[in-house]
Amino acid sequence: MRITVFGAAGNSGSRVVAEALSRGHEVTAVVRDAARFPALHPGATHRTGDAKNPSEVRELSADQDVVVNATRPSPGHEADHPAISRSLLAGLAGTGVRLLVIGGAGSLTVPGTEGVLAIDDTRYIPTAWRAIASASTAQYDAVRTTDTDVDWTYLSPAALFEPGVRTGEFRLFKDELPVAADGTSSISMEDLAVALLDEAESPTHSRTRFAVGY
């Protein structure tokens, strides 16, 4: 497949690029500043572009099969999260290109709590994470409530989402926070990339959300 990744130099984006290339896909790695090109995988095509600009999204997604949103706003710019989602949907409208969004865990329900959201449970979303968790919840709302013909999928990681190792072993959930038997909720960025590329290759969550964790 031909895959464009926005936010390709970031922690999750770089792992998506590496996983896609390892599977033989053609990858266009997009960053906002060409100064970040050295941080990109040498096997990808390097491009600059702004995911908040629908016309640039449309240009960079031309003739592609899938676009991945791996962008993450810096502190103080959390409002960019839902804005980028709306821009991507606008730019991809009518193109037939699928959109895969790496989101957040805050809007997932905590198992055994009768519907408490992860963002309201400090066991999983500490106060220090609340701003980005709120932004990710707004991001998910922007994707699922936009009237669009774009075939989208929103992927929520477990609460602790960090660089780690690629095991290829994880569990998939729908709207519930992945929690292991020991009470932890985690997934490595490498394994999330595996789950995302599995979805890209064999779509099973069209126009819906799923979550991944151990």
C-alpha atoms as a PDB file:
ATOM      1  CA  MET A   1       0.000   0.000   0.000  1.00  0.00           C
ATOM      2  CA  ARG A   2       0.887   3.668  -0.235  1.00  0.00           C
ATOM      3  CA  ILE A   3       0.728   5.281   3.188  1.00  0.00           C
ATOM      4  CA  THR A   4       1.185   8.897   4.249  1.00  0.00           C
ATOM      5  CA  VAL A   5       2.080   9.511   7.903  1.00  0.00           C
ATOM      6  CA  PHE A   6       1.599  12.956   9.426  1.00  0.00           C
ATOM      7  CA  GLY A   7       3.745  13.485  12.512  1.00  0.00           C
ATOM      8  CA  ALA A   8       6.273  11.011  11.142  1.00  0.00           C
ATOM      9  CA  ALA A   9       9.199  12.219  13.258  1.00  0.00           C
ATOM     10  CA  GLY A  10       7.376  11.811  16.564  1.00  0.00           C
ATOM     11  CA  ASN A  11       7.582   8.860  18.914  1.00  0.00           C
ATOM     12  CA  SER A  12       4.519   7.033  17.631  1.00  0.00           C
ATOM     13  CA  GLY A  13       4.771   8.270  14.046  1.00  0.00           C
ATOM     14  CA  SER A  14       8.342   7.081  13.599  1.00  0.00           C
ATOM     15  CA  ARG A  15       7.345   3.629  14.777  1.00  0.00           C
ATOM     16  CA  VAL A  16       4.406   3.511  12.394  1.00  0.00           C
ATOM     17  CA  VAL A  17       6.735   4.454   9.536  1.00  0.00           C
ATOM     18  CA  ALA A  18       9.221   1.734  10.508  1.00  0.00           C
ATOM     19  CA  GLU A  19       6.514  -0.919  10.868  1.00  0.00           C
ATOM     20  CA  ALA A  20       4.932  -0.009   7.520  1.00  0.00           C
ATOM     21  CA  LEU A  21       8.276  -0.109   5.719  1.00  0.00           C
ATOM     22  CA  SER A  22       9.126  -3.466   7.302  1.00  0.00           C
ATOM     23  CA  ARG A  23       5.950  -4.851   5.718  1.00  0.00           C
ATOM     24  CA  GLY A  24       6.892  -3.604   2.262  1.00  0.00           C
ATOM     25  CA  HIS A  25       4.588  -0.605   2.026  1.00  0.00           C
ATOM     26  CA  GLU A  26       5.526   2.694   0.372  1.00  0.00           C
ATOM     27  CA  VAL A  27       5.592   5.410   3.004  1.00  0.00           C
ATOM     28  CA  THR A  28       5.495   9.192   2.710  1.00  0.00           C
ATOM     29  CA  ALA A  29       6.738  10.648   5.993  1.00  0.00           C
ATOM     30  CA  VAL A  30       5.404  14.166   6.604  1.00  0.00           C
ATOM     31  CA  VAL A  31       6.773  16.764   9.031  1.00  0.00           C
ATOM     32  CA  ARG A  32       6.101  20.477   9.269  1.00  0.00           C
ATOM     33  CA  ASP A  33       9.775  21.494   9.150  1.00  0.00           C
ATOM     34  CA  ALA A  34      12.365  20.128   6.707  1.00  0.00           C
ATOM     35  CA  ALA A  35      14.940  20.486   9.485  1.00  0.00           C
ATOM     36  CA  ARG A  36      13.448  17.270  10.896  1.00  0.00           C
ATOM     37  CA  PHE A  37      14.211  15.253   7.772  1.00  0.00           C
ATOM     38  CA  PRO A  38      17.364  13.725   9.345  1.00  0.00           C
ATOM     39  CA  ALA A  39      15.144  12.214  12.051  1.00  0.00           C
ATOM     40  CA  LEU A  40      13.004  10.399   9.479  1.00  0.00           C
ATOM     41  CA  HIS A  41      13.477   6.812   8.327  1.00  0.00           C
ATOM     42  CA  PRO A  42      15.721   6.788   5.238  1.00  0.00           C
ATOM     43  CA  GLY A  43      13.424   4.311   3.529  1.00  0.00           C
ATOM     44  CA  ALA A  44      10.508   6.730   3.435  1.00  0.00           C
ATOM     45  CA  THR A  45       9.802   9.623   1.086  1.00  0.00           C
ATOM     46  CA  HIS A  46      10.302  12.834   3.057  1.00  0.00           C
ATOM     47  CA  ARG A  47       7.811  15.673   2.647  1.00  0.00           C
ATOM     48  CA  THR A  48       6.836  18.821   4.505  1.00  0.00           C
ATOM     49  CA  GLY A  49       3.245  19.662   5.190  1.00  0.00           C
ATOM     50  CA  ASP A  50       0.772  20.901   7.771  1.00  0.00           C
ATOM     51  CA  ALA A  51      -2.035  18.581   8.826  1.00  0.00           C
ATOM     52  CA  LYS A  52      -4.048  21.661   9.832  1.00  0.00           C
ATOM     53  CA  ASN A  53      -4.190  22.762   6.184  1.00  0.00           C
ATOM     54  CA  PRO A  54      -6.824  20.755   4.234  1.00  0.00           C
ATOM     55  CA  SER A  55      -5.315  21.674   0.854  1.00  0.00           C
ATOM     56  CA  GLU A  56      -1.911  20.352   1.919  1.00  0.00           C
ATOM     57  CA  VAL A  57      -3.561  17.226   3.292  1.00  0.00           C
ATOM     58  CA  ARG A  58      -5.236  16.666  -0.064  1.00  0.00           C
ATOM     59  CA  GLU A  59      -1.980  17.180  -1.955  1.00  0.00           C
ATOM     60  CA  LEU A  60       0.013  14.828   0.275  1.00  0.00           C
ATOM     61  CA  SER A  61      -2.668  12.137   0.166  1.00  0.00           C
ATOM     62  CA  ALA A  62      -3.038  12.100  -3.618  1.00  0.00           C
ATOM     63  CA  ASP A  63      -2.832   8.537  -4.970  1.00  0.00           C
ATOM     64  CA  GLN A  64      -2.370   7.148  -1.451  1.00  0.00           C
ATOM     65  CA  ASP A  65      -4.336   4.320   0.119  1.00  0.00           C
ATOM     66  CA  VAL A  66      -4.110   5.335   3.770  1.00  0.00           C
ATOM     67  CA  VAL A  67      -3.306   8.463   5.760  1.00  0.00           C
ATOM     68  CA  VAL A  68      -2.161   8.092   9.367  1.00  0.00           C
ATOM     69  CA  ASN A  69      -2.497  10.913  11.865  1.00  0.00           C
ATOM     70  CA  ALA A  70       0.313  10.465  14.408  1.00  0.00           C
ATOM     71  CA  THR A  71       0.542  14.147  15.352  1.00  0.00           C
ATOM     72  CA  ARG A  72       0.712  15.187  19.003  1.00  0.00           C
ATOM     73  CA  PRO A  73       0.345  18.828  20.036  1.00  0.00           C
ATOM     74  CA  SER A  74       2.946  20.408  22.268  1.00  0.00           C
ATOM     75  CA  PRO A  75       1.938  21.693  25.734  1.00  0.00           C
ATOM     76  CA  GLY A  76      -0.196  24.787  25.385  1.00  0.00           C
ATOM     77  CA  HIS A  77      -1.380  23.811  21.903  1.00  0.00           C
ATOM     78  CA  GLU A  78      -3.733  20.984  22.856  1.00  0.00           C
ATOM     79  CA  ALA A  79      -6.577  22.581  20.864  1.00  0.00           C
ATOM     80  CA  ASP A  80      -4.691  21.564  17.721  1.00  0.00           C
ATOM     81  CA  HIS A  81      -5.795  17.949  18.281  1.00  0.00           C
ATOM     82  CA  PRO A  82      -9.460  18.290  17.225  1.00  0.00           C
ATOM     83  CA  ALA A  83      -8.572  20.988  14.675  1.00  0.00           C
ATOM     84  CA  ILE A  84      -6.169  18.611  12.920  1.00  0.00           C
ATOM     85  CA  SER A  85      -8.802  15.884  12.841  1.00  0.00           C
ATOM     86  CA  ARG A  86     -11.302  18.185  11.164  1.00  0.00           C
ATOM     87  CA  SER A  87      -8.653  19.362   8.701  1.00  0.00           C
ATOM     88  CA  LEU A  88      -7.705  15.803   7.763  1.00  0.00           C
ATOM     89  CA  LEU A  89     -11.336  14.843   7.223  1.00  0.00           C
ATOM     90  CA  ALA A  90     -11.861  17.951   5.079  1.00  0.00           C
ATOM     91  CA  GLY A  91      -8.738  17.301   3.036  1.00  0.00           C
ATOM     92  CA  LEU A  92      -9.587  13.645   2.435  1.00  0.00           C
ATOM     93  CA  ALA A  93     -13.249  14.198   1.610  1.00  0.00           C
ATOM     94  CA  GLY A  94     -14.187  12.631  -1.702  1.00  0.00           C
ATOM     95  CA  THR A  95     -10.762  11.045  -2.246  1.00  0.00           C
ATOM     96  CA  GLY A  96     -11.480   7.486  -1.123  1.00  0.00           C
ATOM     97  CA  VAL A  97      -8.330   7.564   1.035  1.00  0.00           C
ATOM     98  CA  ARG A  98      -8.748   5.947   4.447  1.00  0.00           C
ATOM     99  CA  LEU A  99      -7.793   7.778   7.655  1.00  0.00           C
ATOM    100  CA  LEU A 100      -6.274   6.060  10.685  1.00  0.00           C
ATOM    101  CA  VAL A 101      -5.984   8.257  13.787  1.00  0.00           C
ATOM    102  CA  ILE A 102      -3.744   7.503  16.758  1.00  0.00           C
ATOM    103  CA  GLY A 103      -5.744   8.923  19.630  1.00  0.00           C
ATOM    104  CA  GLY A 104      -5.837   8.813  23.389  1.00  0.00           C
ATOM    105  CA  ALA A 105      -7.191   6.709  26.234  1.00  0.00           C
ATOM    106  CA  GLY A 106      -9.140   9.345  28.151  1.00  0.00           C
ATOM    107  CA  SER A 107     -12.510   8.649  26.548  1.00  0.00           C
ATOM    108  CA  LEU A 108     -12.357   4.900  27.235  1.00  0.00           C
ATOM    109  CA  THR A 109     -14.433   3.492  30.087  1.00  0.00           C
ATOM    110  CA  VAL A 110     -12.629   1.889  33.026  1.00  0.00           C
ATOM    111  CA  PRO A 111     -13.692  -1.748  33.485  1.00  0.00           C
ATOM    112  CA  GLY A 112     -15.676  -2.490  36.623  1.00  0.00           C
ATOM    113  CA  THR A 113     -16.646   1.136  37.290  1.00  0.00           C
ATOM    114  CA  GLU A 114     -20.082   1.363  35.679  1.00  0.00           C
ATOM    115  CA  GLY A 115     -18.950   3.758  32.979  1.00  0.00           C
ATOM    116  CA  VAL A 116     -16.328   5.988  34.590  1.00  0.00           C
ATOM    117  CA  LEU A 117     -14.056   7.414  31.899  1.00  0.00           C
ATOM    118  CA  ALA A 118     -10.322   6.933  32.155  1.00  0.00           C
ATOM    119  CA  ILE A 119      -9.809  10.702  32.136  1.00  0.00           C
ATOM    120  CA  ASP A 120     -11.736  10.840  35.441  1.00  0.00           C
ATOM    121  CA  ASP A 121      -9.759   8.034  37.095  1.00  0.00           C
ATOM    122  CA  THR A 122      -6.397   9.223  38.403  1.00  0.00           C
ATOM    123  CA  ARG A 123      -5.173   5.645  38.652  1.00  0.00           C
ATOM    124  CA  TYR A 124      -4.825   5.738  34.885  1.00  0.00           C
ATOM    125  CA  ILE A 125      -4.817   9.414  33.883  1.00  0.00           C
ATOM    126  CA  PRO A 126      -2.820  11.439  36.443  1.00  0.00           C
ATOM    127  CA  THR A 127      -3.607  15.126  36.808  1.00  0.00           C
ATOM    128  CA  ALA A 128      -0.431  15.995  34.890  1.00  0.00           C
ATOM    129  CA  TRP A 129      -1.806  14.163  31.838  1.00  0.00           C
ATOM    130  CA  ARG A 130      -5.289  15.658  31.946  1.00  0.00           C
ATOM    131  CA  ALA A 131      -4.716  18.448  29.406  1.00  0.00           C
ATOM    132  CA  ILE A 132      -3.581  16.125  26.626  1.00  0.00           C
ATOM    133  CA  ALA A 133      -6.212  13.553  27.628  1.00  0.00           C
ATOM    134  CA  SER A 134      -8.926  16.206  27.303  1.00  0.00           C
ATOM    135  CA  ALA A 135      -7.534  17.206  23.921  1.00  0.00           C
ATOM    136  CA  SER A 136      -7.596  13.587  22.778  1.00  0.00           C
ATOM    137  CA  THR A 137     -11.205  13.262  23.910  1.00  0.00           C
ATOM    138  CA  ALA A 138     -12.050  16.360  21.856  1.00  0.00           C
ATOM    139  CA  GLN A 139     -10.093  14.811  18.972  1.00  0.00           C
ATOM    140  CA  TYR A 140     -12.221  11.660  19.123  1.00  0.00           C
ATOM    141  CA  ASP A 141     -15.413  13.720  19.299  1.00  0.00           C
ATOM    142  CA  ALA A 142     -14.305  15.702  16.236  1.00  0.00           C
ATOM    143  CA  VAL A 143     -13.739  12.514  14.247  1.00  0.00           C
ATOM    144  CA  ARG A 144     -16.906  10.686  15.220  1.00  0.00           C
ATOM    145  CA  THR A 145     -19.307  13.640  14.935  1.00  0.00           C
ATOM    146  CA  THR A 146     -18.097  15.100  11.632  1.00  0.00           C
ATOM    147  CA  ASP A 147     -20.441  14.444   8.735  1.00  0.00           C
ATOM    148  CA  THR A 148     -17.996  12.941   6.245  1.00  0.00           C
ATOM    149  CA  ASP A 149     -17.616  10.294   3.576  1.00  0.00           C
ATOM    150  CA  VAL A 150     -14.098   9.483   4.779  1.00  0.00           C
ATOM    151  CA  ASP A 151     -13.574   5.910   5.954  1.00  0.00           C
ATOM    152  CA  TRP A 152     -11.894   6.556   9.320  1.00  0.00           C
ATOM    153  CA  THR A 153     -10.658   4.471  12.226  1.00  0.00           C
ATOM    154  CA  TYR A 154      -9.684   5.854  15.641  1.00  0.00           C
ATOM    155  CA  LEU A 155      -7.145   3.812  17.628  1.00  0.00           C
ATOM    156  CA  SER A 156      -6.866   4.413  21.372  1.00  0.00           C
ATOM    157  CA  PRO A 157      -3.782   3.171  23.197  1.00  0.00           C
ATOM    158  CA  ALA A 158      -3.840   1.914  26.762  1.00  0.00           C
ATOM    159  CA  ALA A 159      -3.245   4.559  29.444  1.00  0.00           C
ATOM    160  CA  LEU A 160       0.543   4.175  29.574  1.00  0.00           C
ATOM    161  CA  PHE A 161       1.754   4.627  26.009  1.00  0.00           C
ATOM    162  CA  GLU A 162       5.530   4.731  25.767  1.00  0.00           C
ATOM    163  CA  PRO A 163       8.451   3.568  23.617  1.00  0.00           C
ATOM    164  CA  GLY A 164       9.247  -0.053  24.349  1.00  0.00           C
ATOM    165  CA  VAL A 165       9.623  -3.316  22.476  1.00  0.00           C
ATOM    166  CA  ARG A 166       7.723  -4.940  19.637  1.00  0.00           C
ATOM    167  CA  THR A 167       6.198  -8.161  20.975  1.00  0.00           C
ATOM    168  CA  GLY A 168       3.343  -8.565  18.497  1.00  0.00           C
ATOM    169  CA  GLU A 169       1.220  -9.791  21.411  1.00  0.00           C
ATOM    170  CA  PHE A 170      -1.599  -7.609  22.701  1.00  0.00           C
ATOM    171  CA  ARG A 171      -5.358  -7.493  23.117  1.00  0.00           C
ATOM    172  CA  LEU A 172      -7.946  -5.465  21.216  1.00  0.00           C
ATOM    173  CA  PHE A 173     -10.881  -3.721  22.873  1.00  0.00           C
ATOM    174  CA  LYS A 174     -13.709  -1.477  21.700  1.00  0.00           C
ATOM    175  CA  ASP A 175     -14.573   1.370  24.077  1.00  0.00           C
ATOM    176  CA  GLU A 176     -13.092  -0.081  27.277  1.00  0.00           C
ATOM    177  CA  LEU A 177      -9.693   0.777  28.724  1.00  0.00           C
ATOM    178  CA  PRO A 178      -7.289  -2.165  28.353  1.00  0.00           C
ATOM    179  CA  VAL A 179      -6.395  -3.267  31.877  1.00  0.00           C
ATOM    180  CA  ALA A 180      -4.168  -6.261  32.620  1.00  0.00           C
ATOM    181  CA  ALA A 181      -4.738  -8.739  35.453  1.00  0.00           C
ATOM    182  CA  ASP A 182      -2.309  -6.813  37.654  1.00  0.00           C
ATOM    183  CA  GLY A 183      -4.325  -3.606  37.232  1.00  0.00           C
ATOM    184  CA  THR A 184      -1.926  -1.861  34.856  1.00  0.00           C
ATOM    185  CA  SER A 185      -2.919  -0.357  31.513  1.00  0.00           C
ATOM    186  CA  SER A 186      -0.113  -0.133  28.982  1.00  0.00           C
ATOM    187  CA  ILE A 187       1.014  -0.681  25.400  1.00  0.00           C
ATOM    188  CA  SER A 188       4.329   0.018  23.712  1.00  0.00           C
ATOM    189  CA  MET A 189       4.436   2.365  20.761  1.00  0.00           C
ATOM    190  CA  GLU A 190       5.967  -0.450  18.760  1.00  0.00           C
ATOM    191  CA  ASP A 191       3.026  -2.782  19.407  1.00  0.00           C
ATOM    192  CA  LEU A 192       0.489  -0.058  18.727  1.00  0.00           C
ATOM    193  CA  ALA A 193       2.157   0.381  15.343  1.00  0.00           C
ATOM    194  CA  VAL A 194       1.660  -3.349  14.743  1.00  0.00           C
ATOM    195  CA  ALA A 195      -2.039  -3.068  15.598  1.00  0.00           C
ATOM    196  CA  LEU A 196      -2.434  -0.024  13.372  1.00  0.00           C
ATOM    197  CA  LEU A 197      -0.759  -1.665  10.370  1.00  0.00           C
ATOM    198  CA  ASP A 198      -2.846  -4.795  10.924  1.00  0.00           C
ATOM    199  CA  GLU A 199      -5.926  -2.569  10.656  1.00  0.00           C
ATOM    200  CA  ALA A 200      -4.539  -0.848   7.566  1.00  0.00           C
ATOM    201  CA  GLU A 201      -3.970  -4.160   5.832  1.00  0.00           C
ATOM    202  CA  SER A 202      -7.174  -5.894   7.002  1.00  0.00           C
ATOM    203  CA  PRO A 203      -9.789  -3.269   7.901  1.00  0.00           C
ATOM    204  CA  THR A 204     -12.201  -4.416  10.612  1.00  0.00           C
ATOM    205  CA  HIS A 205     -13.006  -1.141  12.401  1.00  0.00           C
ATOM    206  CA  SER A 206     -14.478   1.060   9.682  1.00  0.00           C
ATOM    207  CA  ARG A 207     -15.852   4.359  10.994  1.00  0.00           C
ATOM    208  CA  THR A 208     -15.410   3.323  14.606  1.00  0.00           C
ATOM    209  CA  ARG A 209     -12.879   3.211  17.437  1.00  0.00           C
ATOM    210  CA  PHE A 210     -10.902   0.378  18.941  1.00  0.00           C
ATOM    211  CA  ALA A 211      -8.282   0.198  21.665  1.00  0.00           C
ATOM    212  CA  VAL A 212      -5.131  -1.836  22.144  1.00  0.00           C
ATOM    213  CA  GLY A 213      -3.288  -2.908  25.281  1.00  0.00           C
ATOM    214  CA  TYR A 214      -1.670  -5.791  27.099  1.00  0.00           C
END
